[in-house]
N, C-alpha and C. Protein backbone atom coordinates (compact mmCIF):
# COMPACT_ATOMS: atom_id res chain seq x y z
N MET A 1 -0.03 -1.51 67.82
CA MET A 1 0.48 -1.32 67.08
C MET A 1 1.89 0.05 66.99
N LYS A 2 2.94 0.16 66.71
CA LYS A 2 3.33 1.53 66.78
C LYS A 2 3.31 1.85 65.27
N PRO A 3 3.55 3.25 65.01
CA PRO A 3 4.02 4.09 64.37
C PRO A 3 4.34 3.67 63.35
N TYR A 4 5.95 3.26 64.00
CA TYR A 4 6.83 3.07 62.51
C TYR A 4 6.45 1.77 61.92
N LYS A 5 5.93 0.54 62.88
CA LYS A 5 5.59 -0.43 61.95
C LYS A 5 3.58 -0.16 61.04
N LYS A 6 3.20 0.39 61.18
CA LYS A 6 2.06 0.91 60.81
C LYS A 6 2.22 1.67 58.93
N ALA A 7 3.50 2.40 59.53
CA ALA A 7 3.37 2.91 58.23
C ALA A 7 4.50 2.20 57.62
N MET A 8 5.22 1.11 57.77
CA MET A 8 5.68 0.48 56.91
C MET A 8 4.66 -1.07 56.64
N SER A 9 4.05 -1.64 57.07
CA SER A 9 2.82 -1.83 56.83
C SER A 9 1.47 -1.24 55.62
N VAL A 10 1.48 0.04 55.48
CA VAL A 10 1.65 0.99 54.54
C VAL A 10 1.74 1.24 53.88
N ILE A 11 3.01 0.91 53.46
CA ILE A 11 4.18 0.97 52.03
C ILE A 11 4.10 -0.68 51.44
N VAL A 12 3.51 -1.59 52.50
CA VAL A 12 4.34 -2.74 52.07
C VAL A 12 2.68 -3.18 51.10
N VAL A 13 1.77 -2.68 51.52
CA VAL A 13 0.33 -2.87 50.37
C VAL A 13 0.38 -1.69 49.31
N ILE A 14 0.59 -1.06 49.69
CA ILE A 14 0.56 0.36 48.41
C ILE A 14 1.40 -0.44 47.71
N SER A 15 2.63 -0.87 47.78
CA SER A 15 3.93 -1.46 47.10
C SER A 15 3.67 -2.27 46.35
N PHE A 16 2.79 -3.55 46.68
CA PHE A 16 2.16 -4.23 46.66
C PHE A 16 0.68 -4.41 45.19
N ILE A 17 -0.23 -2.89 45.69
CA ILE A 17 -0.77 -2.94 44.31
C ILE A 17 -0.14 -2.33 43.46
N ILE A 18 0.73 -1.49 43.81
CA ILE A 18 1.62 -0.91 41.99
C ILE A 18 2.06 -1.42 40.93
N VAL A 19 2.61 -2.63 42.02
CA VAL A 19 3.53 -3.94 41.23
C VAL A 19 2.57 -5.03 40.91
N SER A 20 1.35 -4.93 41.74
CA SER A 20 0.07 -6.00 40.89
C SER A 20 -0.74 -5.08 39.38
N SER A 21 -0.63 -3.82 40.09
CA SER A 21 -1.20 -2.94 38.62
C SER A 21 -0.19 -3.48 37.32
N ILE A 22 1.40 -2.61 37.55
CA ILE A 22 1.67 -3.36 36.43
C ILE A 22 1.54 -5.16 35.99
N VAL A 23 1.89 -5.54 37.03
CA VAL A 23 1.95 -6.98 35.97
C VAL A 23 0.50 -7.18 35.00
N VAL A 24 -0.40 -7.06 35.80
CA VAL A 24 -1.61 -7.38 35.89
C VAL A 24 -2.02 -6.44 34.01
N THR A 25 -1.34 -5.01 34.21
CA THR A 25 -1.71 -4.09 33.02
C THR A 25 -0.16 -4.67 31.80
N SER A 26 0.64 -5.34 32.42
CA SER A 26 1.66 -5.88 31.19
C SER A 26 1.05 -6.61 30.65
N LYS A 27 0.03 -8.28 30.91
CA LYS A 27 -0.53 -9.27 30.57
C LYS A 27 -1.50 -9.09 29.73
N VAL A 28 -2.30 -7.90 30.67
CA VAL A 28 -3.46 -7.44 29.63
C VAL A 28 -3.24 -6.67 28.45
N TYR A 29 -2.66 -5.50 28.31
CA TYR A 29 -1.94 -5.01 27.25
C TYR A 29 -1.17 -4.95 26.65
N PHE A 30 -1.02 -4.67 25.22
CA PHE A 30 0.38 -4.52 24.37
C PHE A 30 1.52 -4.01 25.02
N PHE A 31 0.57 -2.78 24.92
CA PHE A 31 1.97 -0.78 25.22
C PHE A 31 1.62 -1.10 26.47
N ASN A 32 2.33 -0.20 27.57
CA ASN A 32 2.86 0.13 29.24
C ASN A 32 1.59 1.61 28.98
N PRO A 33 0.86 2.03 29.80
CA PRO A 33 -0.15 3.16 29.88
C PRO A 33 0.86 4.43 29.74
N PHE A 34 1.84 4.26 30.70
CA PHE A 34 2.53 5.84 30.91
C PHE A 34 3.66 5.59 29.90
N THR A 35 4.38 5.00 28.90
CA THR A 35 5.31 4.99 28.33
C THR A 35 4.48 5.52 26.87
N PHE A 36 3.24 4.90 25.99
CA PHE A 36 2.75 4.83 25.41
C PHE A 36 2.11 6.65 24.44
N LYS A 37 2.85 6.27 23.44
CA LYS A 37 2.38 7.48 22.40
C LYS A 37 2.03 7.27 21.41
N LYS A 38 0.27 8.12 20.70
CA LYS A 38 -0.07 7.98 19.99
C LYS A 38 0.70 8.93 18.62
N ASP A 39 0.55 8.00 17.52
CA ASP A 39 1.64 8.43 16.54
C ASP A 39 0.07 8.42 15.36
N HIS A 40 1.22 8.41 14.24
CA HIS A 40 0.73 7.99 12.91
C HIS A 40 0.23 6.57 12.59
N ILE A 41 1.14 5.65 13.07
CA ILE A 41 1.28 4.03 13.53
C ILE A 41 0.33 3.60 14.34
N THR A 42 0.49 4.43 15.41
CA THR A 42 -0.15 3.61 16.26
C THR A 42 -0.81 4.61 17.20
N TYR A 43 -2.52 5.06 16.23
CA TYR A 43 -2.90 5.91 16.29
C TYR A 43 -3.89 5.59 17.29
N LEU A 44 -4.80 4.20 17.91
CA LEU A 44 -5.60 4.42 18.71
C LEU A 44 -4.46 4.55 20.16
N SER A 45 -6.26 4.47 20.85
CA SER A 45 -5.48 4.46 22.39
C SER A 45 -4.94 3.54 22.87
N TRP A 46 -4.20 3.27 23.82
CA TRP A 46 -3.39 2.88 24.11
C TRP A 46 -4.29 1.06 25.05
N LYS A 47 -5.28 1.43 25.31
CA LYS A 47 -6.63 0.69 25.50
C LYS A 47 -6.68 -0.25 24.57
N ASN A 48 -6.56 0.36 23.51
CA ASN A 48 -7.26 -0.48 22.91
C ASN A 48 -5.98 -1.88 21.70
N TYR A 49 -5.18 -2.10 22.38
CA TYR A 49 -4.57 -3.03 21.90
C TYR A 49 -4.41 -3.87 22.94
N LYS A 50 -5.17 -4.51 22.83
CA LYS A 50 -5.21 -5.50 23.80
C LYS A 50 -4.18 -7.25 23.64
N ASN A 51 -3.96 -7.87 24.28
CA ASN A 51 -3.05 -9.37 24.29
C ASN A 51 -4.20 -10.12 24.11
N PRO A 52 -4.00 -11.15 22.72
CA PRO A 52 -3.13 -11.29 22.73
C PRO A 52 -2.69 -10.29 21.25
N VAL A 53 -1.41 -9.50 20.63
CA VAL A 53 -1.60 -8.53 19.63
C VAL A 53 -0.80 -9.47 18.06
N SER A 54 -1.20 -9.67 17.47
CA SER A 54 0.07 -10.22 15.96
C SER A 54 -0.20 -9.31 15.05
N LEU A 55 1.02 -9.50 14.34
CA LEU A 55 1.43 -8.79 13.25
C LEU A 55 1.06 -10.59 11.90
N THR A 56 1.01 -9.93 11.38
CA THR A 56 0.26 -10.77 9.90
C THR A 56 0.80 -10.54 8.92
N VAL A 57 1.99 -11.29 7.97
CA VAL A 57 3.25 -10.28 6.72
C VAL A 57 2.74 -11.46 5.70
N GLU A 58 2.01 -10.56 4.53
CA GLU A 58 1.93 -11.37 3.58
C GLU A 58 2.35 -10.61 2.37
N TYR A 59 3.20 -11.54 1.42
CA TYR A 59 4.03 -11.13 0.34
C TYR A 59 3.32 -11.80 -0.69
N TYR A 60 3.38 -10.97 -1.74
CA TYR A 60 2.69 -11.07 -3.17
C TYR A 60 3.50 -10.54 -3.85
N ASP A 61 4.22 -12.00 -4.81
CA ASP A 61 4.69 -11.74 -6.23
C ASP A 61 4.31 -10.51 -7.40
N ASP A 62 4.77 -11.31 -8.44
CA ASP A 62 4.18 -10.12 -9.74
C ASP A 62 3.11 -10.87 -10.33
N GLN A 63 2.77 -12.26 -9.56
CA GLN A 63 1.45 -12.96 -10.31
C GLN A 63 0.59 -13.23 -9.08
N PHE A 64 0.60 -12.54 -8.21
CA PHE A 64 -0.10 -12.66 -6.75
C PHE A 64 -0.23 -14.27 -6.27
N LYS A 65 1.22 -14.19 -6.42
CA LYS A 65 1.22 -16.17 -5.22
C LYS A 65 2.10 -15.17 -4.08
N GLY A 66 1.05 -15.79 -2.92
CA GLY A 66 1.23 -15.53 -1.72
C GLY A 66 1.95 -15.81 -0.46
N ILE A 67 2.89 -15.55 0.30
CA ILE A 67 3.59 -16.27 1.57
C ILE A 67 3.17 -15.45 2.53
N HIS A 68 2.08 -16.03 3.78
CA HIS A 68 1.83 -15.33 4.85
C HIS A 68 2.56 -16.00 5.79
N LYS A 69 2.54 -15.33 7.03
CA LYS A 69 3.50 -15.66 8.14
C LYS A 69 2.40 -14.44 8.63
N SER A 70 2.47 -15.16 10.30
CA SER A 70 1.80 -15.11 11.43
C SER A 70 3.22 -14.37 12.60
N ILE A 71 3.41 -13.42 13.28
CA ILE A 71 4.18 -12.87 13.84
C ILE A 71 3.35 -12.88 15.41
N GLN A 72 3.73 -13.61 16.66
CA GLN A 72 3.00 -13.03 18.11
C GLN A 72 4.46 -12.87 18.44
N ASN A 73 5.47 -12.85 18.36
CA ASN A 73 6.40 -12.50 19.42
C ASN A 73 6.19 -11.28 19.26
N LYS A 74 6.88 -9.88 20.89
CA LYS A 74 5.83 -8.83 20.74
C LYS A 74 7.52 -7.64 20.56
N GLY A 75 8.35 -8.31 20.92
CA GLY A 75 9.98 -7.59 20.53
C GLY A 75 9.52 -7.66 18.41
N GLU A 76 9.31 -8.56 17.98
CA GLU A 76 9.34 -8.61 16.67
C GLU A 76 8.11 -7.55 15.93
N ILE A 77 7.09 -7.27 16.76
CA ILE A 77 6.29 -6.49 15.98
C ILE A 77 6.30 -5.52 16.41
N LEU A 78 7.28 -5.32 17.54
CA LEU A 78 8.14 -3.70 18.32
C LEU A 78 8.38 -3.49 17.49
N HIS A 79 9.37 -3.83 16.95
CA HIS A 79 10.12 -3.83 15.87
C HIS A 79 9.74 -2.77 14.27
N VAL A 80 8.67 -3.93 14.00
CA VAL A 80 8.21 -3.72 13.01
C VAL A 80 7.32 -2.08 12.83
N LEU A 81 6.62 -1.95 14.16
CA LEU A 81 6.22 -0.77 14.24
C LEU A 81 7.16 0.51 13.90
N LYS A 82 8.32 0.22 15.15
CA LYS A 82 9.24 1.11 15.07
C LYS A 82 10.07 1.79 13.78
N GLU A 83 9.86 0.89 13.37
CA GLU A 83 10.74 0.53 11.78
C GLU A 83 9.49 2.08 10.72
N LEU A 84 8.22 1.78 10.89
CA LEU A 84 7.06 2.20 10.25
C LEU A 84 7.16 3.45 10.89
N LYS A 85 7.41 3.65 12.19
CA LYS A 85 7.67 5.25 13.52
C LYS A 85 8.02 5.93 12.68
N THR A 86 9.77 5.52 12.41
CA THR A 86 10.80 6.45 12.28
C THR A 86 10.83 6.29 10.86
N ALA A 87 10.15 5.34 9.75
CA ALA A 87 10.62 6.16 8.24
C ALA A 87 10.26 7.31 8.19
N PRO A 88 10.61 8.38 7.39
CA PRO A 88 10.07 9.20 6.31
C PRO A 88 8.80 9.32 5.89
N ARG A 89 8.20 10.53 6.56
CA ARG A 89 6.45 10.36 5.29
C ARG A 89 7.08 10.90 4.01
N THR A 90 5.75 11.12 3.29
CA THR A 90 6.15 11.51 2.15
C THR A 90 4.94 12.20 1.48
N SER A 91 4.61 12.42 0.18
CA SER A 91 3.26 13.18 -0.21
C SER A 91 2.66 11.88 -0.48
N HIS A 92 1.14 12.20 -0.93
CA HIS A 92 0.24 11.06 -1.60
C HIS A 92 1.45 9.99 -2.61
N TYR A 93 1.05 8.73 -2.45
CA TYR A 93 1.93 7.79 -3.09
C TYR A 93 1.01 7.29 -3.94
N ILE A 94 1.12 7.05 -5.52
CA ILE A 94 0.47 6.30 -6.52
C ILE A 94 1.45 5.25 -6.56
N ALA A 95 0.33 3.51 -6.32
CA ALA A 95 1.02 2.49 -5.88
C ALA A 95 1.13 2.06 -7.84
N PRO A 96 2.32 1.09 -7.81
CA PRO A 96 2.47 1.13 -9.16
C PRO A 96 1.17 -0.29 -9.85
N THR A 97 0.86 -0.03 -11.01
CA THR A 97 0.05 -1.18 -11.50
C THR A 97 0.28 -1.80 -12.45
N SER A 98 1.71 -1.47 -12.94
CA SER A 98 2.07 -2.49 -14.13
C SER A 98 2.29 -3.70 -14.02
N PHE A 99 2.22 -4.80 -14.59
CA PHE A 99 2.08 -6.27 -14.19
C PHE A 99 3.87 -6.77 -14.65
N ASP A 100 4.52 -6.49 -13.32
CA ASP A 100 6.42 -5.98 -13.66
C ASP A 100 6.55 -6.87 -12.21
N LYS A 101 7.86 -6.60 -11.76
CA LYS A 101 8.82 -6.37 -10.38
C LYS A 101 7.80 -5.42 -9.97
N SER A 102 7.42 -4.93 -10.46
CA SER A 102 7.48 -3.23 -9.33
C SER A 102 5.80 -3.64 -8.51
N ARG A 103 5.03 -4.65 -9.02
CA ARG A 103 4.14 -5.04 -8.19
C ARG A 103 4.25 -6.21 -7.09
N GLU A 104 5.79 -6.51 -6.93
CA GLU A 104 5.63 -7.31 -5.60
C GLU A 104 5.44 -6.31 -4.80
N PHE A 105 4.92 -6.96 -3.24
CA PHE A 105 4.35 -5.71 -2.66
C PHE A 105 4.28 -6.85 -0.97
N TYR A 106 4.70 -6.00 0.30
CA TYR A 106 4.64 -7.09 1.53
C TYR A 106 2.55 -6.57 1.83
N GLN A 107 2.31 -7.20 2.73
CA GLN A 107 1.33 -6.41 3.25
C GLN A 107 1.40 -7.14 4.53
N LEU A 108 1.17 -5.66 5.72
CA LEU A 108 1.43 -5.47 7.09
C LEU A 108 -0.24 -5.38 7.29
N THR A 109 -0.72 -6.71 8.85
CA THR A 109 -1.49 -6.46 9.64
C THR A 109 -1.51 -6.83 10.58
N LEU A 110 -1.51 -5.38 11.20
CA LEU A 110 -1.53 -5.76 12.94
C LEU A 110 -3.54 -6.41 13.76
N LEU A 111 -3.28 -6.95 14.71
CA LEU A 111 -4.76 -7.55 14.75
C LEU A 111 -4.78 -7.76 16.23
N GLY A 112 -6.03 -7.07 16.23
CA GLY A 112 -5.82 -7.05 17.95
C GLY A 112 -5.96 -8.25 18.39
N ASN A 113 -6.42 -8.67 19.68
CA ASN A 113 -7.08 -9.99 20.52
C ASN A 113 -8.67 -10.44 19.94
N LYS A 114 -9.56 -9.95 19.16
CA LYS A 114 -10.39 -10.16 18.32
C LYS A 114 -10.53 -10.27 17.52
N ASN A 115 -9.36 -10.22 16.74
CA ASN A 115 -9.13 -10.02 15.00
C ASN A 115 -9.40 -9.28 14.52
N GLU A 116 -9.79 -7.78 15.57
CA GLU A 116 -9.58 -6.67 14.82
C GLU A 116 -8.39 -5.92 14.24
N VAL A 117 -8.86 -5.42 12.94
CA VAL A 117 -7.55 -4.59 12.09
C VAL A 117 -6.68 -3.11 13.27
N MET A 118 -5.95 -3.23 13.08
CA MET A 118 -5.57 -2.02 14.07
C MET A 118 -4.04 -1.42 13.30
N LEU A 119 -4.10 -1.82 12.52
CA LEU A 119 -2.76 -1.33 11.44
C LEU A 119 -2.81 -2.29 10.03
N PHE A 120 -2.93 -1.51 8.73
CA PHE A 120 -3.05 -2.14 7.73
C PHE A 120 -2.04 -1.43 6.92
N ALA A 121 -1.11 -2.03 6.35
CA ALA A 121 0.07 -1.56 5.62
C ALA A 121 0.60 -2.15 4.55
N THR A 122 0.70 -1.17 3.00
CA THR A 122 1.26 -2.01 2.20
C THR A 122 2.39 -1.98 2.32
N VAL A 123 4.02 -2.75 1.74
CA VAL A 123 4.90 -2.37 1.38
C VAL A 123 5.55 -2.71 -0.02
N TYR A 124 5.88 -1.62 -0.64
CA TYR A 124 5.80 -2.03 -1.72
C TYR A 124 7.68 -2.18 -2.39
N THR A 125 8.22 -3.54 -2.71
CA THR A 125 9.25 -3.38 -2.76
C THR A 125 10.05 -2.76 -3.85
N TYR A 126 9.82 -2.62 -5.01
CA TYR A 126 10.10 -2.01 -5.73
C TYR A 126 10.75 -0.35 -5.24
N ASP A 127 10.26 0.17 -5.01
CA ASP A 127 10.72 1.45 -4.11
C ASP A 127 10.67 1.38 -2.51
N GLN A 128 10.43 0.90 -2.53
CA GLN A 128 10.85 0.62 -0.45
C GLN A 128 9.01 1.22 0.18
N MET A 129 8.45 2.23 -1.01
CA MET A 129 7.07 2.58 -0.55
C MET A 129 5.95 2.00 0.62
N VAL A 130 6.24 2.57 1.34
CA VAL A 130 4.76 2.24 2.35
C VAL A 130 4.09 2.66 2.06
N VAL A 131 2.68 2.92 2.32
CA VAL A 131 1.02 3.20 2.23
C VAL A 131 -0.25 2.89 3.41
N VAL A 132 0.20 2.92 4.61
CA VAL A 132 -0.75 2.46 5.60
C VAL A 132 -2.18 3.40 5.39
N ASN A 133 -3.38 2.40 5.57
CA ASN A 133 -4.88 2.72 5.63
C ASN A 133 -5.06 2.47 6.91
N LYS A 134 -5.67 4.03 7.71
CA LYS A 134 -6.06 4.04 9.14
C LYS A 134 -7.50 3.39 9.22
N ASP A 135 -7.79 4.11 8.56
CA ASP A 135 -9.22 4.04 7.77
C ASP A 135 -9.59 3.80 6.44
N SER A 136 -10.64 4.07 5.67
CA SER A 136 -11.30 3.80 4.76
C SER A 136 -11.07 5.43 3.89
N ASP A 137 -10.90 6.53 5.19
CA ASP A 137 -10.32 7.49 4.09
C ASP A 137 -9.26 7.87 4.72
N ILE A 138 -8.45 7.73 5.64
CA ILE A 138 -7.00 8.26 6.38
C ILE A 138 -6.09 7.34 5.66
N GLU A 139 -5.08 7.77 4.76
CA GLU A 139 -3.80 7.15 4.27
C GLU A 139 -2.46 8.15 5.27
N GLU A 140 -1.34 7.19 5.53
CA GLU A 140 -0.64 7.80 5.54
C GLU A 140 1.24 6.91 3.71
N THR A 141 2.14 8.12 3.58
CA THR A 141 3.24 6.60 3.02
C THR A 141 4.43 7.60 3.86
N MET A 142 4.98 6.38 3.78
CA MET A 142 6.50 6.84 4.03
C MET A 142 7.19 5.94 2.99
N LYS A 143 9.05 6.09 3.22
CA LYS A 143 9.69 5.66 2.53
C LYS A 143 10.82 4.76 2.98
N VAL A 144 10.13 2.75 3.88
CA VAL A 144 11.15 2.24 5.06
C VAL A 144 12.99 2.45 4.09
N SER A 145 13.41 2.16 4.95
CA SER A 145 15.08 1.61 4.89
C SER A 145 15.38 0.35 4.36
N LYS A 146 16.42 0.14 3.26
CA LYS A 146 16.87 -1.57 2.76
C LYS A 146 17.19 -2.28 4.26
N GLU A 147 16.93 -1.87 5.00
CA GLU A 147 17.52 -2.57 6.25
C GLU A 147 15.89 -3.18 6.68
N PHE A 148 15.21 -2.33 6.94
CA PHE A 148 13.75 -2.97 6.82
C PHE A 148 13.08 -4.09 6.02
N MET A 149 13.62 -3.38 4.76
CA MET A 149 13.31 -4.36 3.85
C MET A 149 13.98 -5.74 3.82
N ASP A 150 15.67 -5.66 4.58
CA ASP A 150 16.00 -7.14 4.03
C ASP A 150 15.57 -7.68 5.37
N TYR A 151 14.79 -6.98 6.50
CA TYR A 151 14.51 -8.10 7.67
C TYR A 151 12.76 -8.20 6.92
N LEU A 152 12.19 -7.86 6.10
CA LEU A 152 10.87 -8.25 5.82
C LEU A 152 11.33 -9.29 4.65
N ASN A 153 12.16 -9.50 3.87
CA ASN A 153 12.66 -10.32 2.69
C ASN A 153 12.96 -11.42 3.63
N SER A 154 13.96 -11.59 5.36
CA SER A 154 14.27 -12.52 5.81
C SER A 154 13.06 -13.40 6.68
N LEU A 155 11.47 -13.03 6.90
CA LEU A 155 10.76 -13.50 7.29
C LEU A 155 9.85 -14.98 6.15
């Protein structure tokens, strides 16, 4: 075999391996390992986010009557995560306790492929505040935009 053909064969095999690994990774994992960055919302390793990932959105009014929606669409899930990531962080937040309109809220739960909770956030409609529970001890608070609230209301 001529050196030129041998080099081309090696390039074809390496290209095939690279493309195959990218395809397999995108099928198995929700995030691309080369572009994924840990932060205060997606705080686990990219390996923890295996497909299928889903987002459960539950709305509760002041009577605690709930509406439940499960989102499977990757684009919609990424949109919600992006909104939470870009929301300005605030100091510790005390959730409303009175029984009026301020008690209306959304609960957002990001679930992994084995229904493990990857993110749990409560969005209060009264003041657009979000409390993100990472585990039993860690909380993040932030204020989301009116546009994000409109998006949640449209679900």
